[in-house]
């Protein structure tokens, strides 16, 4: 853990995101995370049917009981559940079983992203997101909208627009450090987001080049992310521009899984993340966000 996840002196949780070990079932994910030293897990209760994804239904009676047993045995918590997708035929009520299960497991968040194919469906996106927030609220869950670079919402401003329009008390924005890079989002834009919308951060690293095709970005995002500190991403700059949050390590890399196995890959993800974030916090004192905002505003005025 590290300091200040809740802004009141609490500690940030380190969670193992399911995409890191997408072949594992939810209970397997819990046991691996516990042995590797994590505080939490981020299980996928709404499958996306991507290549290699686990086959048993995560909401079947047997899998739910096995997941609950694993959590009780290890003492790990559930940080967030995933993945509610807005598609053309989206019915937010279809997410309710996963939301209910998240509530049963005392999860804090639900991840949502948009995968429609048109650019004139803003009202539909707002309605689906707002209804999902309403469904999630009784279970104590925020709904954190993510912006994968190859999805319908491709940058921070587009996601923030939907969240602001929905105007729900349990709304949130999920930043993935890889997608910040792929979408060419200036980290200064993080200061434009109200701090209360940031709840946790998806962590992985990558090399400086940006794939110039959608297929290339998908391949990188789902199969070749790097450990924090191995690549290009400015983690210190990111955390300076966000309030204290929890960290979910989403780091699929099939070649390393094949070389190291599930548990050692998960362990190295965590070791690199803790070193990188520990170094960032010890070497760069957390400055006042208002001061950074003023500096960047002044810089922008000079530039014009």
C-alpha atoms as a PDB file:
ATOM      1  CA  UNK A   1       0.000   0.000   0.000  1.00  0.00           C
ATOM      2  CA  UNK A   2       0.940   3.661  -0.252  1.00  0.00           C
ATOM      3  CA  UNK A   3      -0.383   6.765   1.411  1.00  0.00           C
ATOM      4  CA  UNK A   4      -3.555   8.721   1.030  1.00  0.00           C
ATOM      5  CA  UNK A   5      -5.982   6.885  -1.230  1.00  0.00           C
ATOM      6  CA  UNK A   6      -9.030   8.475   0.320  1.00  0.00           C
ATOM      7  CA  UNK A   7      -7.543  11.875   0.948  1.00  0.00           C
ATOM      8  CA  UNK A   8      -7.904  11.427   4.713  1.00  0.00           C
ATOM      9  CA  UNK A   9      -4.718   9.605   5.537  1.00  0.00           C
ATOM     10  CA  UNK A  10      -5.888   6.221   4.287  1.00  0.00           C
ATOM     11  CA  UNK A  11      -3.749   3.988   2.121  1.00  0.00           C
ATOM     12  CA  UNK A  12      -3.927   3.306  -1.602  1.00  0.00           C
ATOM     13  CA  UNK A  13      -4.825  -0.244  -2.561  1.00  0.00           C
ATOM     14  CA  UNK A  14      -2.938  -2.199  -5.200  1.00  0.00           C
ATOM     15  CA  UNK A  15      -5.343  -4.378  -7.163  1.00  0.00           C
ATOM     16  CA  UNK A  16      -4.758  -7.056  -9.803  1.00  0.00           C
ATOM     17  CA  UNK A  17      -6.961  -6.348 -12.837  1.00  0.00           C
ATOM     18  CA  UNK A  18      -8.449  -9.365 -14.558  1.00  0.00           C
ATOM     19  CA  UNK A  19      -7.114  -8.491 -18.024  1.00  0.00           C
ATOM     20  CA  UNK A  20      -3.583  -9.025 -16.681  1.00  0.00           C
ATOM     21  CA  UNK A  21      -4.405 -12.731 -16.331  1.00  0.00           C
ATOM     22  CA  UNK A  22      -7.463 -12.989 -18.567  1.00  0.00           C
ATOM     23  CA  UNK A  23      -7.215 -16.792 -18.807  1.00  0.00           C
ATOM     24  CA  UNK A  24      -7.745 -17.137 -15.052  1.00  0.00           C
ATOM     25  CA  UNK A  25     -11.172 -17.439 -13.491  1.00  0.00           C
ATOM     26  CA  UNK A  26     -12.182 -14.980 -10.772  1.00  0.00           C
ATOM     27  CA  UNK A  27     -11.338 -17.313  -7.865  1.00  0.00           C
ATOM     28  CA  UNK A  28      -8.007 -18.197  -9.471  1.00  0.00           C
ATOM     29  CA  UNK A  29      -7.299 -14.474  -9.826  1.00  0.00           C
ATOM     30  CA  UNK A  30      -7.905 -13.989  -6.101  1.00  0.00           C
ATOM     31  CA  UNK A  31      -5.517 -16.749  -5.007  1.00  0.00           C
ATOM     32  CA  UNK A  32      -2.791 -15.625  -7.424  1.00  0.00           C
ATOM     33  CA  UNK A  33      -3.141 -12.007  -6.291  1.00  0.00           C
ATOM     34  CA  UNK A  34      -2.886 -13.014  -2.649  1.00  0.00           C
ATOM     35  CA  UNK A  35       0.281 -15.062  -3.171  1.00  0.00           C
ATOM     36  CA  UNK A  36       1.812 -12.216  -5.199  1.00  0.00           C
ATOM     37  CA  UNK A  37       1.167  -9.636  -2.464  1.00  0.00           C
ATOM     38  CA  UNK A  38      -1.799  -7.591  -3.705  1.00  0.00           C
ATOM     39  CA  UNK A  39      -4.416  -5.932  -1.513  1.00  0.00           C
ATOM     40  CA  UNK A  40      -7.347  -6.349  -3.901  1.00  0.00           C
ATOM     41  CA  UNK A  41      -8.593  -7.810  -7.145  1.00  0.00           C
ATOM     42  CA  UNK A  42     -10.577  -6.352 -10.044  1.00  0.00           C
ATOM     43  CA  UNK A  43     -12.556  -9.309 -11.430  1.00  0.00           C
ATOM     44  CA  UNK A  44     -14.396  -9.363 -14.725  1.00  0.00           C
ATOM     45  CA  UNK A  45     -17.999 -10.342 -14.037  1.00  0.00           C
ATOM     46  CA  UNK A  46     -19.247  -9.254 -17.487  1.00  0.00           C
ATOM     47  CA  UNK A  47     -17.123 -11.122 -20.060  1.00  0.00           C
ATOM     48  CA  UNK A  48     -16.033  -9.419 -23.291  1.00  0.00           C
ATOM     49  CA  UNK A  49     -15.297 -12.686 -25.118  1.00  0.00           C
ATOM     50  CA  UNK A  50     -11.807 -11.557 -26.112  1.00  0.00           C
ATOM     51  CA  UNK A  51      -9.257 -14.189 -27.211  1.00  0.00           C
ATOM     52  CA  UNK A  52      -8.097 -16.362 -24.327  1.00  0.00           C
ATOM     53  CA  UNK A  53     -10.722 -15.133 -21.872  1.00  0.00           C
ATOM     54  CA  UNK A  54     -11.751 -17.581 -19.123  1.00  0.00           C
ATOM     55  CA  UNK A  55     -14.628 -19.868 -20.094  1.00  0.00           C
ATOM     56  CA  UNK A  56     -16.791 -20.517 -16.977  1.00  0.00           C
ATOM     57  CA  UNK A  57     -19.546 -17.953 -16.378  1.00  0.00           C
ATOM     58  CA  UNK A  58     -18.258 -15.727 -13.564  1.00  0.00           C
ATOM     59  CA  UNK A  59     -21.797 -15.242 -12.244  1.00  0.00           C
ATOM     60  CA  UNK A  60     -22.725 -18.943 -12.155  1.00  0.00           C
ATOM     61  CA  UNK A  61     -23.578 -20.285  -8.710  1.00  0.00           C
ATOM     62  CA  UNK A  62     -20.402 -22.379  -8.495  1.00  0.00           C
ATOM     63  CA  UNK A  63     -18.080 -19.594  -9.601  1.00  0.00           C
ATOM     64  CA  UNK A  64     -19.668 -17.031  -7.300  1.00  0.00           C
ATOM     65  CA  UNK A  65     -19.309 -19.363  -4.325  1.00  0.00           C
ATOM     66  CA  UNK A  66     -15.705 -20.164  -5.262  1.00  0.00           C
ATOM     67  CA  UNK A  67     -14.929 -16.446  -5.564  1.00  0.00           C
ATOM     68  CA  UNK A  68     -16.461 -15.698  -2.173  1.00  0.00           C
ATOM     69  CA  UNK A  69     -14.512 -18.573  -0.614  1.00  0.00           C
ATOM     70  CA  UNK A  70     -11.271 -17.322  -2.160  1.00  0.00           C
ATOM     71  CA  UNK A  71     -11.839 -13.806  -0.835  1.00  0.00           C
ATOM     72  CA  UNK A  72     -12.707 -15.078   2.639  1.00  0.00           C
ATOM     73  CA  UNK A  73      -9.671 -17.377   2.681  1.00  0.00           C
ATOM     74  CA  UNK A  74      -7.168 -14.774   1.513  1.00  0.00           C
ATOM     75  CA  UNK A  75      -8.616 -11.643   3.112  1.00  0.00           C
ATOM     76  CA  UNK A  76      -8.356  -9.723  -0.152  1.00  0.00           C
ATOM     77  CA  UNK A  77     -10.950  -7.104  -1.077  1.00  0.00           C
ATOM     78  CA  UNK A  78     -12.609  -6.333  -4.412  1.00  0.00           C
ATOM     79  CA  UNK A  79     -11.704  -2.892  -5.721  1.00  0.00           C
ATOM     80  CA  UNK A  80     -13.798  -2.828  -8.879  1.00  0.00           C
ATOM     81  CA  UNK A  81     -15.795  -5.070 -11.189  1.00  0.00           C
ATOM     82  CA  UNK A  82     -15.890  -4.997 -14.961  1.00  0.00           C
ATOM     83  CA  UNK A  83     -16.849  -4.519 -17.710  1.00  0.00           C
ATOM     84  CA  UNK A  84     -20.102  -2.754 -18.567  1.00  0.00           C
ATOM     85  CA  UNK A  85     -20.037  -1.846 -22.254  1.00  0.00           C
ATOM     86  CA  UNK A  86     -22.239   0.645 -24.051  1.00  0.00           C
ATOM     87  CA  UNK A  87     -23.050  -0.930 -27.417  1.00  0.00           C
ATOM     88  CA  UNK A  88     -25.764  -0.114 -29.961  1.00  0.00           C
ATOM     89  CA  UNK A  89     -28.171  -2.512 -28.253  1.00  0.00           C
ATOM     90  CA  UNK A  90     -27.121  -1.624 -24.701  1.00  0.00           C
ATOM     91  CA  UNK A  91     -29.664  -2.269 -21.961  1.00  0.00           C
ATOM     92  CA  UNK A  92     -28.194  -1.156 -18.623  1.00  0.00           C
ATOM     93  CA  UNK A  93     -30.531  -3.558 -16.804  1.00  0.00           C
ATOM     94  CA  UNK A  94     -28.418  -6.393 -18.218  1.00  0.00           C
ATOM     95  CA  UNK A  95     -25.574  -5.243 -15.939  1.00  0.00           C
ATOM     96  CA  UNK A  96     -27.618  -5.641 -12.777  1.00  0.00           C
ATOM     97  CA  UNK A  97     -26.416  -9.145 -11.845  1.00  0.00           C
ATOM     98  CA  UNK A  98     -22.802  -7.992 -11.994  1.00  0.00           C
ATOM     99  CA  UNK A  99     -23.687  -4.856 -10.019  1.00  0.00           C
ATOM    100  CA  UNK A 100     -25.500  -6.957  -7.432  1.00  0.00           C
ATOM    101  CA  UNK A 101     -22.524  -9.277  -7.115  1.00  0.00           C
ATOM    102  CA  UNK A 102     -20.211  -6.284  -6.788  1.00  0.00           C
ATOM    103  CA  UNK A 103     -22.373  -5.079  -3.924  1.00  0.00           C
ATOM    104  CA  UNK A 104     -22.317  -8.506  -2.264  1.00  0.00           C
ATOM    105  CA  UNK A 105     -18.506  -8.516  -2.416  1.00  0.00           C
ATOM    106  CA  UNK A 106     -18.216  -4.949  -1.088  1.00  0.00           C
ATOM    107  CA  UNK A 107     -16.640  -3.680  -4.306  1.00  0.00           C
ATOM    108  CA  UNK A 108     -16.280   0.067  -4.701  1.00  0.00           C
ATOM    109  CA  UNK A 109     -16.417   0.605  -8.478  1.00  0.00           C
ATOM    110  CA  UNK A 110     -17.829  -0.612 -11.778  1.00  0.00           C
ATOM    111  CA  UNK A 111     -15.893   0.112 -14.986  1.00  0.00           C
ATOM    112  CA  UNK A 112     -17.806   1.237 -18.077  1.00  0.00           C
ATOM    113  CA  UNK A 113     -16.673   2.007 -21.632  1.00  0.00           C
ATOM    114  CA  UNK A 114     -18.405   2.805 -24.930  1.00  0.00           C
ATOM    115  CA  UNK A 115     -18.188   0.662 -28.063  1.00  0.00           C
ATOM    116  CA  UNK A 116     -20.767   2.097 -30.448  1.00  0.00           C
ATOM    117  CA  UNK A 117     -19.806   2.716 -34.075  1.00  0.00           C
ATOM    118  CA  UNK A 118     -21.224   6.174 -34.784  1.00  0.00           C
ATOM    119  CA  UNK A 119     -20.192   9.660 -33.726  1.00  0.00           C
ATOM    120  CA  UNK A 120     -23.703  11.136 -33.442  1.00  0.00           C
ATOM    121  CA  UNK A 121     -24.970   9.079 -30.503  1.00  0.00           C
ATOM    122  CA  UNK A 122     -23.973  11.352 -27.605  1.00  0.00           C
ATOM    123  CA  UNK A 123     -27.460  11.442 -26.094  1.00  0.00           C
ATOM    124  CA  UNK A 124     -27.655   7.643 -26.198  1.00  0.00           C
ATOM    125  CA  UNK A 125     -24.286   7.366 -24.436  1.00  0.00           C
ATOM    126  CA  UNK A 126     -25.359   9.847 -21.777  1.00  0.00           C
ATOM    127  CA  UNK A 127     -28.634   7.994 -21.183  1.00  0.00           C
ATOM    128  CA  UNK A 128     -26.966   4.573 -20.897  1.00  0.00           C
ATOM    129  CA  UNK A 129     -24.284   5.878 -18.589  1.00  0.00           C
ATOM    130  CA  UNK A 130     -26.765   7.764 -16.400  1.00  0.00           C
ATOM    131  CA  UNK A 131     -29.074   4.741 -16.076  1.00  0.00           C
ATOM    132  CA  UNK A 132     -26.153   2.501 -15.146  1.00  0.00           C
ATOM    133  CA  UNK A 133     -25.155   4.977 -12.433  1.00  0.00           C
ATOM    134  CA  UNK A 134     -28.717   4.863 -11.093  1.00  0.00           C
ATOM    135  CA  UNK A 135     -28.690   1.053 -11.058  1.00  0.00           C
ATOM    136  CA  UNK A 136     -25.271   0.956  -9.366  1.00  0.00           C
ATOM    137  CA  UNK A 137     -26.003   3.446  -6.608  1.00  0.00           C
ATOM    138  CA  UNK A 138     -28.023   1.113  -4.333  1.00  0.00           C
ATOM    139  CA  UNK A 139     -25.091  -1.315  -4.361  1.00  0.00           C
ATOM    140  CA  UNK A 140     -22.657   1.366  -3.233  1.00  0.00           C
ATOM    141  CA  UNK A 141     -20.777   1.401  -6.547  1.00  0.00           C
ATOM    142  CA  UNK A 142     -19.428   4.275  -8.562  1.00  0.00           C
ATOM    143  CA  UNK A 143     -19.475   3.886 -12.359  1.00  0.00           C
ATOM    144  CA  UNK A 144     -16.084   4.899 -13.711  1.00  0.00           C
ATOM    145  CA  UNK A 145     -16.076   5.687 -17.435  1.00  0.00           C
ATOM    146  CA  UNK A 146     -12.915   4.687 -19.283  1.00  0.00           C
ATOM    147  CA  UNK A 147     -11.674   5.907 -22.671  1.00  0.00           C
ATOM    148  CA  UNK A 148      -9.757   3.155 -24.498  1.00  0.00           C
ATOM    149  CA  UNK A 149      -8.039   4.773 -27.467  1.00  0.00           C
ATOM    150  CA  UNK A 150      -9.748   2.440 -29.953  1.00  0.00           C
ATOM    151  CA  UNK A 151     -13.257   2.745 -28.463  1.00  0.00           C
ATOM    152  CA  UNK A 152     -16.063   5.237 -29.094  1.00  0.00           C
ATOM    153  CA  UNK A 153     -14.735   7.606 -26.412  1.00  0.00           C
ATOM    154  CA  UNK A 154     -11.095   8.093 -27.302  1.00  0.00           C
ATOM    155  CA  UNK A 155      -9.802  10.779 -24.987  1.00  0.00           C
ATOM    156  CA  UNK A 156     -10.305  12.385 -21.610  1.00  0.00           C
ATOM    157  CA  UNK A 157     -12.445  15.279 -22.861  1.00  0.00           C
ATOM    158  CA  UNK A 158     -14.933  12.943 -24.575  1.00  0.00           C
ATOM    159  CA  UNK A 159     -15.357  10.824 -21.454  1.00  0.00           C
ATOM    160  CA  UNK A 160     -15.654  13.871 -19.216  1.00  0.00           C
ATOM    161  CA  UNK A 161     -18.358  15.301 -21.478  1.00  0.00           C
ATOM    162  CA  UNK A 162     -20.540  12.204 -20.964  1.00  0.00           C
ATOM    163  CA  UNK A 163     -19.971  12.138 -17.216  1.00  0.00           C
ATOM    164  CA  UNK A 164     -20.801  15.823 -16.812  1.00  0.00           C
ATOM    165  CA  UNK A 165     -23.933  15.527 -18.927  1.00  0.00           C
ATOM    166  CA  UNK A 166     -25.164  12.541 -16.895  1.00  0.00           C
ATOM    167  CA  UNK A 167     -24.595  14.488 -13.662  1.00  0.00           C
ATOM    168  CA  UNK A 168     -24.836  11.549 -11.250  1.00  0.00           C
ATOM    169  CA  UNK A 169     -23.443  11.520  -7.688  1.00  0.00           C
ATOM    170  CA  UNK A 170     -21.676   8.166  -8.175  1.00  0.00           C
ATOM    171  CA  UNK A 171     -20.051   9.099 -11.495  1.00  0.00           C
ATOM    172  CA  UNK A 172     -16.345   8.705 -12.129  1.00  0.00           C
ATOM    173  CA  UNK A 173     -13.572   8.842 -14.724  1.00  0.00           C
ATOM    174  CA  UNK A 174     -11.116   5.957 -15.027  1.00  0.00           C
ATOM    175  CA  UNK A 175      -7.705   6.933 -16.368  1.00  0.00           C
ATOM    176  CA  UNK A 176      -5.541   4.187 -17.866  1.00  0.00           C
ATOM    177  CA  UNK A 177      -1.923   5.294 -18.174  1.00  0.00           C
ATOM    178  CA  UNK A 178      -1.544   3.421 -21.478  1.00  0.00           C
ATOM    179  CA  UNK A 179      -4.567   5.136 -23.024  1.00  0.00           C
ATOM    180  CA  UNK A 180      -3.332   8.539 -21.899  1.00  0.00           C
ATOM    181  CA  UNK A 181      -0.272   7.825 -24.019  1.00  0.00           C
ATOM    182  CA  UNK A 182      -2.039   6.277 -27.015  1.00  0.00           C
ATOM    183  CA  UNK A 183      -4.633   9.064 -27.135  1.00  0.00           C
ATOM    184  CA  UNK A 184      -1.920  11.733 -26.886  1.00  0.00           C
ATOM    185  CA  UNK A 185      -3.603  13.275 -23.856  1.00  0.00           C
ATOM    186  CA  UNK A 186      -1.470  15.978 -22.253  1.00  0.00           C
ATOM    187  CA  UNK A 187      -1.246  15.086 -18.570  1.00  0.00           C
ATOM    188  CA  UNK A 188      -2.045  18.723 -17.800  1.00  0.00           C
ATOM    189  CA  UNK A 189      -5.608  17.925 -18.896  1.00  0.00           C
ATOM    190  CA  UNK A 190      -6.012  15.878 -15.716  1.00  0.00           C
ATOM    191  CA  UNK A 191      -6.254  19.163 -13.837  1.00  0.00           C
ATOM    192  CA  UNK A 192      -9.441  20.020 -15.742  1.00  0.00           C
ATOM    193  CA  UNK A 193     -11.266  17.098 -14.129  1.00  0.00           C
ATOM    194  CA  UNK A 194     -12.877  17.611 -10.707  1.00  0.00           C
ATOM    195  CA  UNK A 195     -10.830  15.593  -8.251  1.00  0.00           C
ATOM    196  CA  UNK A 196     -13.877  13.807  -6.840  1.00  0.00           C
ATOM    197  CA  UNK A 197     -14.351  12.031 -10.192  1.00  0.00           C
ATOM    198  CA  UNK A 198     -11.012  10.206  -9.864  1.00  0.00           C
ATOM    199  CA  UNK A 199     -11.253   7.019  -7.799  1.00  0.00           C
ATOM    200  CA  UNK A 200      -8.563   4.706  -9.146  1.00  0.00           C
ATOM    201  CA  UNK A 201      -5.939   4.435 -11.856  1.00  0.00           C
ATOM    202  CA  UNK A 202      -5.159   1.658 -14.332  1.00  0.00           C
ATOM    203  CA  UNK A 203      -1.401   1.151 -14.456  1.00  0.00           C
ATOM    204  CA  UNK A 204       0.906  -0.151 -17.183  1.00  0.00           C
ATOM    205  CA  UNK A 205       3.812   1.182 -19.211  1.00  0.00           C
ATOM    206  CA  UNK A 206       4.781   1.203 -22.887  1.00  0.00           C
ATOM    207  CA  UNK A 207       7.472   2.321 -25.308  1.00  0.00           C
ATOM    208  CA  UNK A 208       7.287   5.865 -26.766  1.00  0.00           C
ATOM    209  CA  UNK A 209       6.015   4.980 -30.228  1.00  0.00           C
ATOM    210  CA  UNK A 210       2.258   5.050 -30.884  1.00  0.00           C
ATOM    211  CA  UNK A 211       0.682   2.460 -33.163  1.00  0.00           C
ATOM    212  CA  UNK A 212      -0.843   4.119 -36.228  1.00  0.00           C
ATOM    213  CA  UNK A 213      -3.639   1.575 -36.665  1.00  0.00           C
ATOM    214  CA  UNK A 214      -6.535   0.494 -34.480  1.00  0.00           C
ATOM    215  CA  UNK A 215      -5.363  -3.098 -34.744  1.00  0.00           C
ATOM    216  CA  UNK A 216      -1.901  -2.125 -33.554  1.00  0.00           C
ATOM    217  CA  UNK A 217      -3.282  -0.320 -30.516  1.00  0.00           C
ATOM    218  CA  UNK A 218      -5.524  -3.265 -29.650  1.00  0.00           C
ATOM    219  CA  UNK A 219      -2.606  -5.699 -29.909  1.00  0.00           C
ATOM    220  CA  UNK A 220      -0.493  -3.546 -27.601  1.00  0.00           C
ATOM    221  CA  UNK A 221      -3.293  -2.973 -25.097  1.00  0.00           C
ATOM    222  CA  UNK A 222      -4.307  -6.625 -24.862  1.00  0.00           C
ATOM    223  CA  UNK A 223      -1.009  -8.432 -25.256  1.00  0.00           C
ATOM    224  CA  UNK A 224       2.163  -6.381 -24.828  1.00  0.00           C
ATOM    225  CA  UNK A 225       2.068  -3.868 -22.009  1.00  0.00           C
ATOM    226  CA  UNK A 226       5.243  -3.232 -20.007  1.00  0.00           C
ATOM    227  CA  UNK A 227       5.952  -3.142 -16.297  1.00  0.00           C
ATOM    228  CA  UNK A 228       5.852   0.372 -14.775  1.00  0.00           C
ATOM    229  CA  UNK A 229       9.245   1.994 -15.125  1.00  0.00           C
ATOM    230  CA  UNK A 230      10.266   0.000 -18.205  1.00  0.00           C
ATOM    231  CA  UNK A 231       8.898   2.445 -20.723  1.00  0.00           C
ATOM    232  CA  UNK A 232       7.927   5.995 -21.480  1.00  0.00           C
ATOM    233  CA  UNK A 233       5.024   6.972 -19.252  1.00  0.00           C
ATOM    234  CA  UNK A 234       5.489   9.849 -16.789  1.00  0.00           C
ATOM    235  CA  UNK A 235       3.913   8.308 -13.682  1.00  0.00           C
ATOM    236  CA  UNK A 236       5.249  11.043 -11.401  1.00  0.00           C
ATOM    237  CA  UNK A 237       3.635  13.710 -13.547  1.00  0.00           C
ATOM    238  CA  UNK A 238       0.334  11.834 -13.579  1.00  0.00           C
ATOM    239  CA  UNK A 239       0.064  11.325  -9.826  1.00  0.00           C
ATOM    240  CA  UNK A 240       1.022  14.951  -9.190  1.00  0.00           C
ATOM    241  CA  UNK A 241      -2.017  16.011 -11.185  1.00  0.00           C
ATOM    242  CA  UNK A 242      -4.490  13.652  -9.530  1.00  0.00           C
ATOM    243  CA  UNK A 243      -5.747  13.312  -5.964  1.00  0.00           C
ATOM    244  CA  UNK A 244      -4.649  10.202  -4.037  1.00  0.00           C
ATOM    245  CA  UNK A 245      -6.298   7.165  -5.635  1.00  0.00           C
ATOM    246  CA  UNK A 246      -6.152   3.377  -5.631  1.00  0.00           C
ATOM    247  CA  UNK A 247      -4.117   1.520  -8.258  1.00  0.00           C
ATOM    248  CA  UNK A 248      -5.328  -1.351 -10.430  1.00  0.00           C
ATOM    249  CA  UNK A 249      -2.549  -3.012 -12.404  1.00  0.00           C
ATOM    250  CA  UNK A 250      -3.868  -3.901 -15.857  1.00  0.00           C
ATOM    251  CA  UNK A 251      -0.861  -5.348 -17.631  1.00  0.00           C
ATOM    252  CA  UNK A 252      -1.505  -8.175 -20.092  1.00  0.00           C
ATOM    253  CA  UNK A 253       1.691  -9.477 -21.667  1.00  0.00           C
ATOM    254  CA  UNK A 254       1.341 -12.980 -23.040  1.00  0.00           C
ATOM    255  CA  UNK A 255       5.042 -13.512 -23.723  1.00  0.00           C
ATOM    256  CA  UNK A 256       5.887 -12.806 -20.096  1.00  0.00           C
ATOM    257  CA  UNK A 257       3.060 -14.970 -18.835  1.00  0.00           C
ATOM    258  CA  UNK A 258       4.406 -17.787 -21.009  1.00  0.00           C
ATOM    259  CA  UNK A 259       7.945 -17.222 -19.691  1.00  0.00           C
ATOM    260  CA  UNK A 260       7.180 -16.572 -16.010  1.00  0.00           C
ATOM    261  CA  UNK A 261       3.793 -18.091 -15.277  1.00  0.00           C
ATOM    262  CA  UNK A 262       0.748 -16.335 -13.860  1.00  0.00           C
ATOM    263  CA  UNK A 263       1.972 -15.753 -10.333  1.00  0.00           C
ATOM    264  CA  UNK A 264       5.473 -14.497 -11.114  1.00  0.00           C
ATOM    265  CA  UNK A 265       4.153 -12.165 -13.807  1.00  0.00           C
ATOM    266  CA  UNK A 266       1.610 -10.761 -11.344  1.00  0.00           C
ATOM    267  CA  UNK A 267       4.327 -10.402  -8.705  1.00  0.00           C
ATOM    268  CA  UNK A 268       6.656  -8.506 -11.028  1.00  0.00           C
ATOM    269  CA  UNK A 269       3.807  -6.211 -12.065  1.00  0.00           C
ATOM    270  CA  UNK A 270       3.311  -5.300  -8.419  1.00  0.00           C
ATOM    271  CA  UNK A 271       6.999  -4.976  -7.596  1.00  0.00           C
ATOM    272  CA  UNK A 272       7.603  -2.592 -10.494  1.00  0.00           C
ATOM    273  CA  UNK A 273       4.489  -0.577  -9.688  1.00  0.00           C
ATOM    274  CA  UNK A 274       5.402  -0.134  -6.027  1.00  0.00           C
ATOM    275  CA  UNK A 275       8.965   0.854  -6.864  1.00  0.00           C
ATOM    276  CA  UNK A 276       7.885   3.282  -9.582  1.00  0.00           C
ATOM    277  CA  UNK A 277       5.191   4.949  -7.507  1.00  0.00           C
ATOM    278  CA  UNK A 278       7.320   4.938  -4.388  1.00  0.00           C
ATOM    279  CA  UNK A 279      10.151   6.639  -6.269  1.00  0.00           C
ATOM    280  CA  UNK A 280       7.744   9.149  -7.782  1.00  0.00           C
ATOM    281  CA  UNK A 281       6.372  10.097  -4.380  1.00  0.00           C
ATOM    282  CA  UNK A 282       9.734  10.249  -2.591  1.00  0.00           C
ATOM    283  CA  UNK A 283      11.624  12.202  -5.233  1.00  0.00           C
ATOM    284  CA  UNK A 284       8.885  14.576  -6.291  1.00  0.00           C
ATOM    285  CA  UNK A 285       6.982  16.053  -3.393  1.00  0.00           C
ATOM    286  CA  UNK A 286       3.270  16.282  -4.088  1.00  0.00           C
ATOM    287  CA  UNK A 287       2.713  19.963  -4.959  1.00  0.00           C
ATOM    288  CA  UNK A 288      -0.436  21.995  -4.524  1.00  0.00           C
ATOM    289  CA  UNK A 289      -2.761  21.241  -7.437  1.00  0.00           C
ATOM    290  CA  UNK A 290      -3.923  24.833  -7.598  1.00  0.00           C
ATOM    291  CA  UNK A 291      -0.315  25.951  -7.961  1.00  0.00           C
ATOM    292  CA  UNK A 292       0.246  23.553 -10.877  1.00  0.00           C
ATOM    293  CA  UNK A 293      -2.997  24.752 -12.450  1.00  0.00           C
ATOM    294  CA  UNK A 294      -1.857  28.348 -12.193  1.00  0.00           C
ATOM    295  CA  UNK A 295       1.540  27.553 -13.666  1.00  0.00           C
ATOM    296  CA  UNK A 296       0.025  25.723 -16.630  1.00  0.00           C
ATOM    297  CA  UNK A 297      -2.582  28.455 -17.180  1.00  0.00           C
ATOM    298  CA  UNK A 298       0.170  31.066 -17.181  1.00  0.00           C
ATOM    299  CA  UNK A 299       2.204  28.970 -19.580  1.00  0.00           C
ATOM    300  CA  UNK A 300      -0.796  28.733 -21.894  1.00  0.00           C
ATOM    301  CA  UNK A 301      -1.342  32.496 -21.800  1.00  0.00           C
ATOM    302  CA  UNK A 302       2.309  33.138 -22.662  1.00  0.00           C
ATOM    303  CA  UNK A 303       2.106  30.654 -25.513  1.00  0.00           C
ATOM    304  CA  UNK A 304      -0.785  32.561 -27.048  1.00  0.00           C
END
